[in-house]
Amino acid sequence: MNRLTEGGDPNPPTTPQPNTVTRLKQQIASGRYRVDADAVAREMLFKLRIVSISRRALLADQARGAGRAARGSPDE
């Protein structure tokens, strides 16, 4: 189910509504549930971007900290 092409909210609430859970349970029980591969891929890429951004931020922070340590404290 692609929310963007169906006119749904591109930022759905993080907590599913009870009717959504019930509908999904019914689809799974009847064997009609299908994974939206595009949505899964988007989420995976989004999470990889977050990891990459976080890693760069940590490395930049470490580099700044190492630069301060090499120069000494401002009181010296």
N, C-alpha and C. Protein backbone atom coordinates (compact mmCIF):
# COMPACT_ATOMS: atom_id res chain seq x y z
N MET A 1 0.86 -1.18 0.00
CA MET A 1 0.00 0.00 0.00
C MET A 1 0.89 1.23 0.00
N ASN A 2 0.81 2.05 -1.02
CA ASN A 2 1.62 3.24 -1.13
C ASN A 2 0.76 4.44 -0.78
N ARG A 3 1.02 5.04 0.37
CA ARG A 3 0.19 6.14 0.85
C ARG A 3 0.25 7.37 -0.06
N LEU A 4 1.41 7.61 -0.69
CA LEU A 4 1.54 8.80 -1.52
C LEU A 4 0.68 8.70 -2.78
N THR A 5 0.66 7.54 -3.41
CA THR A 5 -0.11 7.42 -4.63
C THR A 5 -1.61 7.29 -4.35
N GLU A 6 -1.96 6.91 -3.13
CA GLU A 6 -3.37 6.79 -2.78
C GLU A 6 -3.92 8.07 -2.17
N GLY A 7 -3.10 9.10 -2.11
CA GLY A 7 -3.57 10.37 -1.56
C GLY A 7 -3.57 10.41 -0.05
N GLY A 8 -2.90 9.45 0.58
CA GLY A 8 -2.85 9.41 2.04
C GLY A 8 -1.80 10.36 2.58
N ASP A 9 -1.76 10.47 3.87
CA ASP A 9 -0.80 11.32 4.56
C ASP A 9 0.60 10.74 4.37
N PRO A 10 1.57 11.51 3.84
CA PRO A 10 2.92 10.97 3.65
C PRO A 10 3.63 10.75 4.98
N ASN A 11 3.13 11.34 6.07
CA ASN A 11 3.70 11.17 7.40
C ASN A 11 2.64 10.59 8.33
N PRO A 12 2.39 9.28 8.21
CA PRO A 12 1.33 8.68 9.03
C PRO A 12 1.71 8.72 10.50
N PRO A 13 0.72 8.64 11.38
CA PRO A 13 1.03 8.62 12.81
C PRO A 13 1.86 7.39 13.15
N THR A 14 2.72 7.52 14.17
CA THR A 14 3.60 6.41 14.52
C THR A 14 2.82 5.28 15.18
N THR A 15 1.71 5.58 15.82
CA THR A 15 0.88 4.55 16.43
C THR A 15 -0.28 4.24 15.49
N PRO A 16 -0.36 2.99 15.00
CA PRO A 16 -1.44 2.67 14.08
C PRO A 16 -2.80 2.77 14.75
N GLN A 17 -3.77 3.16 13.98
CA GLN A 17 -5.13 3.24 14.49
C GLN A 17 -5.67 1.82 14.67
N PRO A 18 -6.57 1.60 15.63
CA PRO A 18 -7.09 0.25 15.88
C PRO A 18 -7.69 -0.41 14.64
N ASN A 19 -8.38 0.36 13.80
CA ASN A 19 -8.98 -0.25 12.61
C ASN A 19 -7.90 -0.71 11.63
N THR A 20 -6.76 -0.05 11.60
CA THR A 20 -5.66 -0.46 10.74
C THR A 20 -5.09 -1.79 11.21
N VAL A 21 -4.91 -1.93 12.50
CA VAL A 21 -4.39 -3.18 13.06
C VAL A 21 -5.36 -4.32 12.77
N THR A 22 -6.62 -4.08 12.98
CA THR A 22 -7.64 -5.10 12.72
C THR A 22 -7.63 -5.51 11.26
N ARG A 23 -7.57 -4.52 10.37
CA ARG A 23 -7.55 -4.80 8.93
C ARG A 23 -6.31 -5.61 8.55
N LEU A 24 -5.15 -5.25 9.10
CA LEU A 24 -3.93 -6.00 8.80
C LEU A 24 -4.02 -7.43 9.32
N LYS A 25 -4.56 -7.61 10.52
CA LYS A 25 -4.72 -8.96 11.06
C LYS A 25 -5.62 -9.80 10.16
N GLN A 26 -6.68 -9.20 9.65
CA GLN A 26 -7.59 -9.92 8.77
C GLN A 26 -6.90 -10.29 7.46
N GLN A 27 -6.12 -9.35 6.90
CA GLN A 27 -5.40 -9.62 5.66
C GLN A 27 -4.39 -10.74 5.84
N ILE A 28 -3.67 -10.72 6.96
CA ILE A 28 -2.67 -11.76 7.22
C ILE A 28 -3.35 -13.11 7.39
N ALA A 29 -4.44 -13.14 8.17
CA ALA A 29 -5.16 -14.40 8.41
C ALA A 29 -5.71 -15.00 7.12
N SER A 30 -6.15 -14.14 6.21
CA SER A 30 -6.73 -14.66 4.97
C SER A 30 -5.70 -14.87 3.87
N GLY A 31 -4.44 -14.52 4.14
CA GLY A 31 -3.38 -14.70 3.14
C GLY A 31 -3.37 -13.63 2.07
N ARG A 32 -4.05 -12.52 2.29
CA ARG A 32 -4.10 -11.44 1.30
C ARG A 32 -3.09 -10.33 1.57
N TYR A 33 -2.35 -10.39 2.67
CA TYR A 33 -1.41 -9.32 3.01
C TYR A 33 -0.21 -9.37 2.09
N ARG A 34 0.16 -8.24 1.57
CA ARG A 34 1.33 -8.11 0.70
C ARG A 34 2.20 -6.98 1.23
N VAL A 35 3.49 -7.26 1.29
CA VAL A 35 4.46 -6.26 1.74
C VAL A 35 4.66 -5.24 0.63
N ASP A 36 4.68 -3.97 1.01
CA ASP A 36 4.97 -2.89 0.06
C ASP A 36 6.49 -2.76 -0.03
N ALA A 37 7.08 -3.38 -1.03
CA ALA A 37 8.53 -3.41 -1.18
C ALA A 37 9.11 -2.00 -1.31
N ASP A 38 8.40 -1.10 -1.98
CA ASP A 38 8.88 0.28 -2.11
C ASP A 38 8.97 0.96 -0.75
N ALA A 39 7.96 0.76 0.08
CA ALA A 39 7.97 1.37 1.42
C ALA A 39 9.09 0.80 2.27
N VAL A 40 9.32 -0.49 2.18
CA VAL A 40 10.40 -1.13 2.94
C VAL A 40 11.74 -0.56 2.49
N ALA A 41 11.94 -0.46 1.18
CA ALA A 41 13.20 0.08 0.65
C ALA A 41 13.41 1.53 1.07
N ARG A 42 12.34 2.33 1.03
CA ARG A 42 12.45 3.73 1.46
C ARG A 42 12.89 3.82 2.92
N GLU A 43 12.28 3.00 3.77
CA GLU A 43 12.63 3.02 5.20
C GLU A 43 14.07 2.58 5.41
N MET A 44 14.51 1.57 4.68
CA MET A 44 15.89 1.11 4.82
C MET A 44 16.87 2.20 4.40
N LEU A 45 16.60 2.86 3.28
CA LEU A 45 17.48 3.94 2.82
C LEU A 45 17.46 5.12 3.78
N PHE A 46 16.29 5.43 4.32
CA PHE A 46 16.18 6.52 5.29
C PHE A 46 17.05 6.22 6.51
N LYS A 47 16.96 5.00 7.02
CA LYS A 47 17.74 4.64 8.20
C LYS A 47 19.24 4.63 7.90
N LEU A 48 19.62 4.19 6.71
CA LEU A 48 21.03 4.24 6.33
C LEU A 48 21.54 5.67 6.26
N ARG A 49 20.70 6.58 5.77
CA ARG A 49 21.09 8.00 5.73
C ARG A 49 21.28 8.55 7.13
N ILE A 50 20.38 8.19 8.05
CA ILE A 50 20.49 8.64 9.44
C ILE A 50 21.78 8.13 10.06
N VAL A 51 22.12 6.86 9.82
CA VAL A 51 23.36 6.29 10.35
C VAL A 51 24.56 7.03 9.77
N SER A 52 24.54 7.30 8.48
CA SER A 52 25.64 7.99 7.83
C SER A 52 25.81 9.41 8.39
N ILE A 53 24.72 10.13 8.53
CA ILE A 53 24.77 11.49 9.08
C ILE A 53 25.29 11.46 10.52
N SER A 54 24.81 10.51 11.30
CA SER A 54 25.25 10.39 12.69
C SER A 54 26.74 10.08 12.77
N ARG A 55 27.18 9.18 11.94
CA ARG A 55 28.60 8.80 11.93
C ARG A 55 29.47 10.00 11.57
N ARG A 56 29.07 10.75 10.54
CA ARG A 56 29.85 11.94 10.16
C ARG A 56 29.89 12.96 11.28
N ALA A 57 28.76 13.14 11.97
CA ALA A 57 28.71 14.10 13.08
C ALA A 57 29.64 13.66 14.21
N LEU A 58 29.63 12.37 14.53
CA LEU A 58 30.52 11.87 15.58
C LEU A 58 31.98 12.03 15.21
N LEU A 59 32.32 11.71 13.96
CA LEU A 59 33.71 11.86 13.52
C LEU A 59 34.14 13.33 13.52
N ALA A 60 33.25 14.22 13.11
CA ALA A 60 33.58 15.65 13.12
C ALA A 60 33.79 16.14 14.55
N ASP A 61 32.95 15.65 15.47
CA ASP A 61 33.08 16.04 16.87
C ASP A 61 34.39 15.53 17.46
N GLN A 62 34.76 14.31 17.10
CA GLN A 62 36.04 13.77 17.57
C GLN A 62 37.21 14.56 17.03
N ALA A 63 37.12 14.96 15.77
CA ALA A 63 38.19 15.73 15.16
C ALA A 63 38.33 17.10 15.84
N ARG A 64 37.20 17.73 16.15
CA ARG A 64 37.26 19.01 16.85
C ARG A 64 37.87 18.84 18.24
N GLY A 65 37.50 17.76 18.92
CA GLY A 65 38.04 17.49 20.26
C GLY A 65 39.53 17.24 20.21
N ALA A 66 40.00 16.52 19.20
CA ALA A 66 41.43 16.25 19.06
C ALA A 66 42.19 17.53 18.75
N GLY A 67 41.59 18.42 17.98
CA GLY A 67 42.23 19.70 17.66
C GLY A 67 42.39 20.57 18.89
N ARG A 68 41.39 20.57 19.75
CA ARG A 68 41.48 21.35 21.00
C ARG A 68 42.54 20.78 21.92
N ALA A 69 42.63 19.46 21.99
CA ALA A 69 43.59 18.82 22.88
C ALA A 69 45.03 19.11 22.41
N ALA A 70 45.24 19.16 21.11
CA ALA A 70 46.58 19.42 20.57
C ALA A 70 47.00 20.86 20.80
N ARG A 71 46.06 21.80 20.79
CA ARG A 71 46.39 23.21 20.99
C ARG A 71 46.55 23.55 22.46
N GLY A 72 46.00 22.76 23.33
CA GLY A 72 46.06 23.07 24.75
C GLY A 72 44.87 23.90 25.15
N SER A 73 44.73 24.14 26.42
CA SER A 73 43.58 24.90 26.91
C SER A 73 43.80 26.38 26.68
N PRO A 74 42.74 27.18 26.62
CA PRO A 74 42.90 28.62 26.38
C PRO A 74 43.59 29.34 27.52
N ASP A 75 43.67 28.73 28.71
CA ASP A 75 44.29 29.38 29.85
C ASP A 75 45.80 29.31 29.80
N GLU A 76 46.38 28.46 28.93
CA GLU A 76 47.84 28.31 28.89
C GLU A 76 48.51 29.42 28.15
